[in-house]
Amino acid sequence: MNPELKELIVRLETRTRQLILQQEKLQEEQEKLRLQLQQKDDEILNLQIQNEELKQQYSHLKMAKYIDLADNDVKDMRGRIRTMVRDIDRCISMLKVTQ
């Protein structure tokens, strides 16, 4: 074999090894990226679940606030009715006194 051919074969082997090493590194990087992608997908799913739970909690809080306001309105109305009944009672008692 002539020296040029030997040198060409050695260079070809060297480049082939380099390509194999580079391909292995790229495969490792691809696996890392796949893992990161899976983690991000899991994180997105968890955040979506958390978002739905928070929406439900917010809805429940709005309902509780509405019920609380309704209860306060009922209490206010009861207070007003009591005041009117007392005023009517006073008027009746005043009418009895004057008769």
PDB file of N, CA and C in Angstrom:
ATOM      1  N   MET A   1       0.818  -1.176   0.000  1.00  0.00           N
ATOM      2  CA  MET A   1       0.000   0.000   0.000  1.00  0.00           C
ATOM      3  C   MET A   1       0.869   1.250   0.000  1.00  0.00           C
ATOM      4  N   ASN A   2       0.463   2.171  -0.741  1.00  0.00           N
ATOM      5  CA  ASN A   2       1.291   3.370  -0.789  1.00  0.00           C
ATOM      6  C   ASN A   2       0.970   4.255   0.410  1.00  0.00           C
ATOM      7  N   PRO A   3       1.846   5.145   0.783  1.00  0.00           N
ATOM      8  CA  PRO A   3       1.666   5.970   1.980  1.00  0.00           C
ATOM      9  C   PRO A   3       0.469   6.921   1.884  1.00  0.00           C
ATOM     10  N   GLU A   4       0.175   7.400   0.722  1.00  0.00           N
ATOM     11  CA  GLU A   4      -0.958   8.311   0.576  1.00  0.00           C
ATOM     12  C   GLU A   4      -2.266   7.598   0.875  1.00  0.00           C
ATOM     13  N   LEU A   5      -2.382   6.408   0.412  1.00  0.00           N
ATOM     14  CA  LEU A   5      -3.586   5.624   0.658  1.00  0.00           C
ATOM     15  C   LEU A   5      -3.720   5.293   2.150  1.00  0.00           C
ATOM     16  N   LYS A   6      -2.612   4.954   2.786  1.00  0.00           N
ATOM     17  CA  LYS A   6      -2.625   4.677   4.233  1.00  0.00           C
ATOM     18  C   LYS A   6      -3.062   5.923   5.005  1.00  0.00           C
ATOM     19  N   GLU A   7      -2.516   7.043   4.616  1.00  0.00           N
ATOM     20  CA  GLU A   7      -2.864   8.293   5.294  1.00  0.00           C
ATOM     21  C   GLU A   7      -4.346   8.609   5.084  1.00  0.00           C
ATOM     22  N   LEU A   8      -4.840   8.384   3.898  1.00  0.00           N
ATOM     23  CA  LEU A   8      -6.253   8.612   3.609  1.00  0.00           C
ATOM     24  C   LEU A   8      -7.141   7.701   4.447  1.00  0.00           C
ATOM     25  N   ILE A   9      -6.756   6.461   4.595  1.00  0.00           N
ATOM     26  CA  ILE A   9      -7.521   5.506   5.413  1.00  0.00           C
ATOM     27  C   ILE A   9      -7.512   5.939   6.878  1.00  0.00           C
ATOM     28  N   VAL A  10      -6.351   6.373   7.370  1.00  0.00           N
ATOM     29  CA  VAL A  10      -6.246   6.818   8.762  1.00  0.00           C
ATOM     30  C   VAL A  10      -7.131   8.040   8.980  1.00  0.00           C
ATOM     31  N   ARG A  11      -7.100   8.974   8.051  1.00  0.00           N
ATOM     32  CA  ARG A  11      -7.939  10.170   8.162  1.00  0.00           C
ATOM     33  C   ARG A  11      -9.418   9.798   8.118  1.00  0.00           C
ATOM     34  N   LEU A  12      -9.747   8.861   7.251  1.00  0.00           N
ATOM     35  CA  LEU A  12     -11.131   8.401   7.163  1.00  0.00           C
ATOM     36  C   LEU A  12     -11.569   7.738   8.462  1.00  0.00           C
ATOM     37  N   GLU A  13     -10.728   6.909   9.053  1.00  0.00           N
ATOM     38  CA  GLU A  13     -11.046   6.260  10.341  1.00  0.00           C
ATOM     39  C   GLU A  13     -11.209   7.323  11.439  1.00  0.00           C
ATOM     40  N   THR A  14     -10.320   8.296  11.415  1.00  0.00           N
ATOM     41  CA  THR A  14     -10.372   9.345  12.430  1.00  0.00           C
ATOM     42  C   THR A  14     -11.676  10.139  12.312  1.00  0.00           C
ATOM     43  N   ARG A  15     -12.000  10.524  11.129  1.00  0.00           N
ATOM     44  CA  ARG A  15     -13.237  11.282  10.928  1.00  0.00           C
ATOM     45  C   ARG A  15     -14.463  10.425  11.253  1.00  0.00           C
ATOM     46  N   THR A  16     -14.390   9.170  10.930  1.00  0.00           N
ATOM     47  CA  THR A  16     -15.502   8.267  11.251  1.00  0.00           C
ATOM     48  C   THR A  16     -15.688   8.182  12.760  1.00  0.00           C
ATOM     49  N   ARG A  17     -14.603   8.054  13.507  1.00  0.00           N
ATOM     50  CA  ARG A  17     -14.679   8.025  14.974  1.00  0.00           C
ATOM     51  C   ARG A  17     -15.251   9.334  15.514  1.00  0.00           C
ATOM     52  N   GLN A  18     -14.780  10.444  14.935  1.00  0.00           N
ATOM     53  CA  GLN A  18     -15.291  11.744  15.366  1.00  0.00           C
ATOM     54  C   GLN A  18     -16.794  11.849  15.113  1.00  0.00           C
ATOM     55  N   LEU A  19     -17.222  11.381  13.960  1.00  0.00           N
ATOM     56  CA  LEU A  19     -18.651  11.409  13.651  1.00  0.00           C
ATOM     57  C   LEU A  19     -19.445  10.515  14.594  1.00  0.00           C
ATOM     58  N   ILE A  20     -18.896   9.383  14.925  1.00  0.00           N
ATOM     59  CA  ILE A  20     -19.569   8.475  15.861  1.00  0.00           C
ATOM     60  C   ILE A  20     -19.688   9.137  17.233  1.00  0.00           C
ATOM     61  N   LEU A  21     -18.598   9.755  17.692  1.00  0.00           N
ATOM     62  CA  LEU A  21     -18.624  10.457  18.977  1.00  0.00           C
ATOM     63  C   LEU A  21     -19.622  11.616  18.950  1.00  0.00           C
ATOM     64  N   GLN A  22     -19.621  12.362  17.870  1.00  0.00           N
ATOM     65  CA  GLN A  22     -20.552  13.480  17.753  1.00  0.00           C
ATOM     66  C   GLN A  22     -21.995  12.974  17.734  1.00  0.00           C
ATOM     67  N   GLN A  23     -22.231  11.881  17.047  1.00  0.00           N
ATOM     68  CA  GLN A  23     -23.568  11.306  16.996  1.00  0.00           C
ATOM     69  C   GLN A  23     -24.011  10.830  18.367  1.00  0.00           C
ATOM     70  N   GLU A  24     -23.118  10.252  19.150  1.00  0.00           N
ATOM     71  CA  GLU A  24     -23.444   9.818  20.511  1.00  0.00           C
ATOM     72  C   GLU A  24     -23.772  11.021  21.391  1.00  0.00           C
ATOM     73  N   LYS A  25     -22.990  12.096  21.259  1.00  0.00           N
ATOM     74  CA  LYS A  25     -23.269  13.308  22.029  1.00  0.00           C
ATOM     75  C   LYS A  25     -24.629  13.878  21.654  1.00  0.00           C
ATOM     76  N   LEU A  26     -24.921  13.888  20.373  1.00  0.00           N
ATOM     77  CA  LEU A  26     -26.214  14.403  19.929  1.00  0.00           C
ATOM     78  C   LEU A  26     -27.361  13.536  20.428  1.00  0.00           C
ATOM     79  N   GLN A  27     -27.158  12.244  20.473  1.00  0.00           N
ATOM     80  CA  GLN A  27     -28.191  11.357  21.014  1.00  0.00           C
ATOM     81  C   GLN A  27     -28.428  11.633  22.496  1.00  0.00           C
ATOM     82  N   GLU A  28     -27.344  11.830  23.247  1.00  0.00           N
ATOM     83  CA  GLU A  28     -27.479  12.163  24.664  1.00  0.00           C
ATOM     84  C   GLU A  28     -28.214  13.491  24.838  1.00  0.00           C
ATOM     85  N   GLU A  29     -27.844  14.473  24.029  1.00  0.00           N
ATOM     86  CA  GLU A  29     -28.504  15.772  24.117  1.00  0.00           C
ATOM     87  C   GLU A  29     -29.984  15.651  23.747  1.00  0.00           C
ATOM     88  N   GLN A  30     -30.265  14.854  22.736  1.00  0.00           N
ATOM     89  CA  GLN A  30     -31.653  14.641  22.344  1.00  0.00           C
ATOM     90  C   GLN A  30     -32.439  13.986  23.468  1.00  0.00           C
ATOM     91  N   GLU A  31     -31.844  13.037  24.140  1.00  0.00           N
ATOM     92  CA  GLU A  31     -32.527  12.379  25.265  1.00  0.00           C
ATOM     93  C   GLU A  31     -32.775  13.367  26.401  1.00  0.00           C
ATOM     94  N   LYS A  32     -31.791  14.217  26.679  1.00  0.00           N
ATOM     95  CA  LYS A  32     -31.975  15.245  27.705  1.00  0.00           C
ATOM     96  C   LYS A  32     -33.110  16.186  27.326  1.00  0.00           C
ATOM     97  N   LEU A  33     -33.148  16.580  26.068  1.00  0.00           N
ATOM     98  CA  LEU A  33     -34.208  17.478  25.608  1.00  0.00           C
ATOM     99  C   LEU A  33     -35.573  16.807  25.667  1.00  0.00           C
ATOM    100  N   ARG A  34     -35.628  15.529  25.344  1.00  0.00           N
ATOM    101  CA  ARG A  34     -36.884  14.799  25.467  1.00  0.00           C
ATOM    102  C   ARG A  34     -37.355  14.764  26.912  1.00  0.00           C
ATOM    103  N   LEU A  35     -36.411  14.530  27.813  1.00  0.00           N
ATOM    104  CA  LEU A  35     -36.748  14.514  29.239  1.00  0.00           C
ATOM    105  C   LEU A  35     -37.245  15.887  29.695  1.00  0.00           C
ATOM    106  N   GLN A  36     -36.555  16.932  29.270  1.00  0.00           N
ATOM    107  CA  GLN A  36     -36.991  18.290  29.621  1.00  0.00           C
ATOM    108  C   GLN A  36     -38.384  18.575  29.063  1.00  0.00           C
ATOM    109  N   LEU A  37     -38.622  18.149  27.842  1.00  0.00           N
ATOM    110  CA  LEU A  37     -39.926  18.350  27.225  1.00  0.00           C
ATOM    111  C   LEU A  37     -41.011  17.622  28.008  1.00  0.00           C
ATOM    112  N   GLN A  38     -40.725  16.406  28.422  1.00  0.00           N
ATOM    113  CA  GLN A  38     -41.694  15.641  29.210  1.00  0.00           C
ATOM    114  C   GLN A  38     -41.962  16.325  30.543  1.00  0.00           C
ATOM    115  N   GLN A  39     -40.913  16.841  31.172  1.00  0.00           N
ATOM    116  CA  GLN A  39     -41.085  17.552  32.431  1.00  0.00           C
ATOM    117  C   GLN A  39     -41.933  18.808  32.237  1.00  0.00           C
ATOM    118  N   LYS A  40     -41.682  19.528  31.160  1.00  0.00           N
ATOM    119  CA  LYS A  40     -42.465  20.740  30.883  1.00  0.00           C
ATOM    120  C   LYS A  40     -43.920  20.376  30.600  1.00  0.00           C
ATOM    121  N   ASP A  41     -44.134  19.290  29.865  1.00  0.00           N
ATOM    122  CA  ASP A  41     -45.510  18.843  29.609  1.00  0.00           C
ATOM    123  C   ASP A  41     -46.216  18.490  30.920  1.00  0.00           C
ATOM    124  N   ASP A  42     -45.501  17.796  31.800  1.00  0.00           N
ATOM    125  CA  ASP A  42     -46.072  17.452  33.109  1.00  0.00           C
ATOM    126  C   ASP A  42     -46.374  18.719  33.910  1.00  0.00           C
ATOM    127  N   GLU A  43     -45.463  19.673  33.851  1.00  0.00           N
ATOM    128  CA  GLU A  43     -45.657  20.929  34.573  1.00  0.00           C
ATOM    129  C   GLU A  43     -46.871  21.681  34.025  1.00  0.00           C
ATOM    130  N   ILE A  44     -47.007  21.694  32.708  1.00  0.00           N
ATOM    131  CA  ILE A  44     -48.167  22.354  32.089  1.00  0.00           C
ATOM    132  C   ILE A  44     -49.449  21.674  32.530  1.00  0.00           C
ATOM    133  N   LEU A  45     -49.453  20.349  32.533  1.00  0.00           N
ATOM    134  CA  LEU A  45     -50.640  19.609  32.955  1.00  0.00           C
ATOM    135  C   LEU A  45     -50.986  19.930  34.409  1.00  0.00           C
ATOM    136  N   ASN A  46     -49.976  19.937  35.281  1.00  0.00           N
ATOM    137  CA  ASN A  46     -50.201  20.266  36.687  1.00  0.00           C
ATOM    138  C   ASN A  46     -50.738  21.686  36.844  1.00  0.00           C
ATOM    139  N   LEU A  47     -50.197  22.623  36.072  1.00  0.00           N
ATOM    140  CA  LEU A  47     -50.666  24.010  36.156  1.00  0.00           C
ATOM    141  C   LEU A  47     -52.097  24.140  35.637  1.00  0.00           C
ATOM    142  N   GLN A  48     -52.435  23.374  34.605  1.00  0.00           N
ATOM    143  CA  GLN A  48     -53.810  23.396  34.115  1.00  0.00           C
ATOM    144  C   GLN A  48     -54.773  22.846  35.166  1.00  0.00           C
ATOM    145  N   ILE A  49     -54.368  21.778  35.823  1.00  0.00           N
ATOM    146  CA  ILE A  49     -55.199  21.214  36.895  1.00  0.00           C
ATOM    147  C   ILE A  49     -55.348  22.222  38.026  1.00  0.00           C
ATOM    148  N   GLN A  50     -54.233  22.833  38.406  1.00  0.00           N
ATOM    149  CA  GLN A  50     -54.268  23.837  39.474  1.00  0.00           C
ATOM    150  C   GLN A  50     -55.150  25.021  39.061  1.00  0.00           C
ATOM    151  N   ASN A  51     -55.061  25.419  37.803  1.00  0.00           N
ATOM    152  CA  ASN A  51     -55.885  26.513  37.305  1.00  0.00           C
ATOM    153  C   ASN A  51     -57.371  26.168  37.415  1.00  0.00           C
ATOM    154  N   GLU A  52     -57.740  24.961  37.042  1.00  0.00           N
ATOM    155  CA  GLU A  52     -59.143  24.549  37.143  1.00  0.00           C
ATOM    156  C   GLU A  52     -59.608  24.533  38.603  1.00  0.00           C
ATOM    157  N   GLU A  53     -58.731  24.045  39.502  1.00  0.00           N
ATOM    158  CA  GLU A  53     -59.082  24.032  40.925  1.00  0.00           C
ATOM    159  C   GLU A  53     -59.279  25.454  41.442  1.00  0.00           C
ATOM    160  N   LEU A  54     -58.402  26.360  41.026  1.00  0.00           N
ATOM    161  CA  LEU A  54     -58.522  27.753  41.469  1.00  0.00           C
ATOM    162  C   LEU A  54     -59.787  28.397  40.901  1.00  0.00           C
ATOM    163  N   LYS A  55     -60.142  28.053  39.668  1.00  0.00           N
ATOM    164  CA  LYS A  55     -61.389  28.573  39.104  1.00  0.00           C
ATOM    165  C   LYS A  55     -62.591  28.090  39.913  1.00  0.00           C
ATOM    166  N   GLN A  56     -62.563  26.815  40.308  1.00  0.00           N
ATOM    167  CA  GLN A  56     -63.654  26.280  41.120  1.00  0.00           C
ATOM    168  C   GLN A  56     -63.710  26.977  42.474  1.00  0.00           C
ATOM    169  N   GLN A  57     -62.554  27.170  43.092  1.00  0.00           N
ATOM    170  CA  GLN A  57     -62.516  27.850  44.383  1.00  0.00           C
ATOM    171  C   GLN A  57     -63.047  29.281  44.244  1.00  0.00           C
ATOM    172  N   TYR A  58     -62.670  29.952  43.174  1.00  0.00           N
ATOM    173  CA  TYR A  58     -63.144  31.317  42.942  1.00  0.00           C
ATOM    174  C   TYR A  58     -64.657  31.326  42.769  1.00  0.00           C
ATOM    175  N   SER A  59     -65.147  30.363  42.022  1.00  0.00           N
ATOM    176  CA  SER A  59     -66.591  30.263  41.822  1.00  0.00           C
ATOM    177  C   SER A  59     -67.301  30.030  43.151  1.00  0.00           C
ATOM    178  N   HIS A  60     -66.731  29.161  43.986  1.00  0.00           N
ATOM    179  CA  HIS A  60     -67.321  28.901  45.296  1.00  0.00           C
ATOM    180  C   HIS A  60     -67.285  30.154  46.171  1.00  0.00           C
ATOM    181  N   LEU A  61     -66.181  30.891  46.095  1.00  0.00           N
ATOM    182  CA  LEU A  61     -66.084  32.122  46.883  1.00  0.00           C
ATOM    183  C   LEU A  61     -67.111  33.150  46.416  1.00  0.00           C
ATOM    184  N   LYS A  62     -67.305  33.254  45.105  1.00  0.00           N
ATOM    185  CA  LYS A  62     -68.316  34.187  44.606  1.00  0.00           C
ATOM    186  C   LYS A  62     -69.697  33.787  45.103  1.00  0.00           C
ATOM    187  N   MET A  63     -69.986  32.486  45.078  1.00  0.00           N
ATOM    188  CA  MET A  63     -71.286  32.003  45.539  1.00  0.00           C
ATOM    189  C   MET A  63     -71.450  32.284  47.036  1.00  0.00           C
ATOM    190  N   ALA A  64     -70.405  32.033  47.813  1.00  0.00           N
ATOM    191  CA  ALA A  64     -70.468  32.286  49.255  1.00  0.00           C
ATOM    192  C   ALA A  64     -70.672  33.779  49.523  1.00  0.00           C
ATOM    193  N   LYS A  65     -70.007  34.616  48.765  1.00  0.00           N
ATOM    194  CA  LYS A  65     -70.162  36.063  48.935  1.00  0.00           C
ATOM    195  C   LYS A  65     -71.586  36.475  48.587  1.00  0.00           C
ATOM    196  N   TYR A  66     -72.117  35.883  47.515  1.00  0.00           N
ATOM    197  CA  TYR A  66     -73.490  36.192  47.122  1.00  0.00           C
ATOM    198  C   TYR A  66     -74.462  35.771  48.214  1.00  0.00           C
ATOM    199  N   ILE A  67     -74.245  34.576  48.756  1.00  0.00           N
ATOM    200  CA  ILE A  67     -75.115  34.084  49.835  1.00  0.00           C
ATOM    201  C   ILE A  67     -74.980  34.980  51.062  1.00  0.00           C
ATOM    202  N   ASP A  68     -73.757  35.394  51.369  1.00  0.00           N
ATOM    203  CA  ASP A  68     -73.521  36.279  52.511  1.00  0.00           C
ATOM    204  C   ASP A  68     -74.245  37.605  52.309  1.00  0.00           C
ATOM    205  N   LEU A  69     -74.170  38.142  51.105  1.00  0.00           N
ATOM    206  CA  LEU A  69     -74.878  39.392  50.819  1.00  0.00           C
ATOM    207  C   LEU A  69     -76.386  39.187  50.937  1.00  0.00           C
ATOM    208  N   ALA A  70     -76.855  38.041  50.446  1.00  0.00           N
ATOM    209  CA  ALA A  70     -78.281  37.750  50.541  1.00  0.00           C
ATOM    210  C   ALA A  70     -78.697  37.635  52.004  1.00  0.00           C
ATOM    211  N   ASP A  71     -77.853  36.981  52.825  1.00  0.00           N
ATOM    212  CA  ASP A  71     -78.146  36.883  54.256  1.00  0.00           C
ATOM    213  C   ASP A  71     -78.187  38.265  54.898  1.00  0.00           C
ATOM    214  N   ASN A  72     -77.245  39.113  54.521  1.00  0.00           N
ATOM    215  CA  ASN A  72     -77.239  40.473  55.067  1.00  0.00           C
ATOM    216  C   ASN A  72     -78.478  41.227  54.632  1.00  0.00           C
ATOM    217  N   ASP A  73     -78.908  41.041  53.384  1.00  0.00           N
ATOM    218  CA  ASP A  73     -80.122  41.691  52.911  1.00  0.00           C
ATOM    219  C   ASP A  73     -81.325  41.213  53.714  1.00  0.00           C
ATOM    220  N   VAL A  74     -81.372  39.908  53.989  1.00  0.00           N
ATOM    221  CA  VAL A  74     -82.473  39.358  54.785  1.00  0.00           C
ATOM    222  C   VAL A  74     -82.445  39.965  56.186  1.00  0.00           C
ATOM    223  N   LYS A  75     -81.260  40.064  56.768  1.00  0.00           N
ATOM    224  CA  LYS A  75     -81.148  40.663  58.107  1.00  0.00           C
ATOM    225  C   LYS A  75     -81.578  42.122  58.084  1.00  0.00           C
ATOM    226  N   ASP A  76     -81.168  42.849  57.038  1.00  0.00           N
ATOM    227  CA  ASP A  76     -81.581  44.252  56.925  1.00  0.00           C
ATOM    228  C   ASP A  76     -83.091  44.360  56.789  1.00  0.00           C
ATOM    229  N   MET A  77     -83.669  43.508  55.969  1.00  0.00           N
ATOM    230  CA  MET A  77     -85.127  43.532  55.787  1.00  0.00           C
ATOM    231  C   MET A  77     -85.843  43.194  57.094  1.00  0.00           C
ATOM    232  N   ARG A  78     -85.332  42.213  57.813  1.00  0.00           N
ATOM    233  CA  ARG A  78     -85.951  41.863  59.104  1.00  0.00           C
ATOM    234  C   ARG A  78     -85.891  43.054  60.052  1.00  0.00           C
ATOM    235  N   GLY A  79     -84.725  43.734  60.059  1.00  0.00           N
ATOM    236  CA  GLY A  79     -84.584  44.911  60.908  1.00  0.00           C
ATOM    237  C   GLY A  79     -85.571  46.001  60.528  1.00  0.00           C
ATOM    238  N   ARG A  80     -85.726  46.220  59.235  1.00  0.00           N
ATOM    239  CA  ARG A  80     -86.681  47.237  58.771  1.00  0.00           C
ATOM    240  C   ARG A  80     -88.115  46.850  59.142  1.00  0.00           C
ATOM    241  N   ILE A  81     -88.441  45.579  58.965  1.00  0.00           N
ATOM    242  CA  ILE A  81     -89.792  45.121  59.319  1.00  0.00           C
ATOM    243  C   ILE A  81     -90.033  45.298  60.810  1.00  0.00           C
ATOM    244  N   ARG A  82     -89.053  44.952  61.635  1.00  0.00           N
ATOM    245  CA  ARG A  82     -89.201  45.129  63.086  1.00  0.00           C
ATOM    246  C   ARG A  82     -89.433  46.604  63.425  1.00  0.00           C
ATOM    247  N   THR A  83     -88.664  47.479  62.755  1.00  0.00           N
ATOM    248  CA  THR A  83     -88.832  48.919  63.004  1.00  0.00           C
ATOM    249  C   THR A  83     -90.230  49.367  62.609  1.00  0.00           C
ATOM    250  N   MET A  84     -90.711  48.878  61.455  1.00  0.00           N
ATOM    251  CA  MET A  84     -92.072  49.241  61.025  1.00  0.00           C
ATOM    252  C   MET A  84     -93.119  48.711  62.000  1.00  0.00           C
ATOM    253  N   VAL A  85     -92.949  47.501  62.478  1.00  0.00           N
ATOM    254  CA  VAL A  85     -93.902  46.922  63.433  1.00  0.00           C
ATOM    255  C   VAL A  85     -93.901  47.747  64.709  1.00  0.00           C
ATOM    256  N   ARG A  86     -92.742  48.147  65.199  1.00  0.00           N
ATOM    257  CA  ARG A  86     -92.688  48.988  66.402  1.00  0.00           C
ATOM    258  C   ARG A  86     -93.392  50.322  66.168  1.00  0.00           C
ATOM    259  N   ASP A  87     -93.149  50.917  64.970  1.00  0.00           N
ATOM    260  CA  ASP A  87     -93.822  52.186  64.661  1.00  0.00           C
ATOM    261  C   ASP A  87     -95.330  51.994  64.609  1.00  0.00           C
ATOM    262  N   ILE A  88     -95.778  50.910  64.013  1.00  0.00           N
ATOM    263  CA  ILE A  88     -97.223  50.628  63.945  1.00  0.00           C
ATOM    264  C   ILE A  88     -97.779  50.412  65.346  1.00  0.00           C
ATOM    265  N   ASP A  89     -97.045  49.671  66.178  1.00  0.00           N
ATOM    266  CA  ASP A  89     -97.485  49.455  67.562  1.00  0.00           C
ATOM    267  C   ASP A  89     -97.596  50.779  68.310  1.00  0.00           C
ATOM    268  N   ARG A  90     -96.654  51.667  68.127  1.00  0.00           N
ATOM    269  CA  ARG A  90     -96.701  52.974  68.771  1.00  0.00           C
ATOM    270  C   ARG A  90     -97.927  53.765  68.307  1.00  0.00           C
ATOM    271  N   CYS A  91     -98.142  53.712  67.009  1.00  0.00           N
ATOM    272  CA  CYS A  91     -99.304  54.417  66.468  1.00  0.00           C
ATOM    273  C   CYS A  91    -100.597  53.858  67.046  1.00  0.00           C
ATOM    274  N   ILE A  92    -100.683  52.540  67.125  1.00  0.00           N
ATOM    275  CA  ILE A  92    -101.889  51.918  67.687  1.00  0.00           C
ATOM    276  C   ILE A  92    -102.052  52.310  69.144  1.00  0.00           C
ATOM    277  N   SER A  93    -100.945  52.255  69.894  1.00  0.00           N
ATOM    278  CA  SER A  93    -101.053  52.626  71.303  1.00  0.00           C
ATOM    279  C   SER A  93    -101.417  54.094  71.460  1.00  0.00           C
ATOM    280  N   MET A  94    -100.935  54.948  70.594  1.00  0.00           N
ATOM    281  CA  MET A  94    -101.298  56.378  70.652  1.00  0.00           C
ATOM    282  C   MET A  94    -102.794  56.559  70.329  1.00  0.00           C
ATOM    283  N   LEU A  95    -103.284  55.785  69.382  1.00  0.00           N
ATOM    284  CA  LEU A  95    -104.698  55.870  69.038  1.00  0.00           C
ATOM    285  C   LEU A  95    -105.554  55.406  70.204  1.00  0.00           C
ATOM    286  N   LYS A  96    -105.126  54.365  70.912  1.00  0.00           N
ATOM    287  CA  LYS A  96    -105.887  53.862  72.057  1.00  0.00           C
ATOM    288  C   LYS A  96    -105.926  54.913  73.162  1.00  0.00           C
ATOM    289  N   VAL A  97    -104.832  55.595  73.397  1.00  0.00           N
ATOM    290  CA  VAL A  97    -104.734  56.597  74.447  1.00  0.00           C
ATOM    291  C   VAL A  97    -105.648  57.764  74.141  1.00  0.00           C
ATOM    292  N   THR A  98    -105.721  58.171  72.923  1.00  0.00           N
ATOM    293  CA  THR A  98    -106.527  59.336  72.543  1.00  0.00           C
ATOM    294  C   THR A  98    -108.011  59.009  72.507  1.00  0.00           C
ATOM    295  N   GLN A  99    -108.414  57.794  72.460  1.00  0.00           N
ATOM    296  CA  GLN A  99    -109.839  57.443  72.405  1.00  0.00           C
ATOM    297  C   GLN A  99    -110.437  57.412  73.739  1.00  0.00           C
TER     298      GLN A  99
END
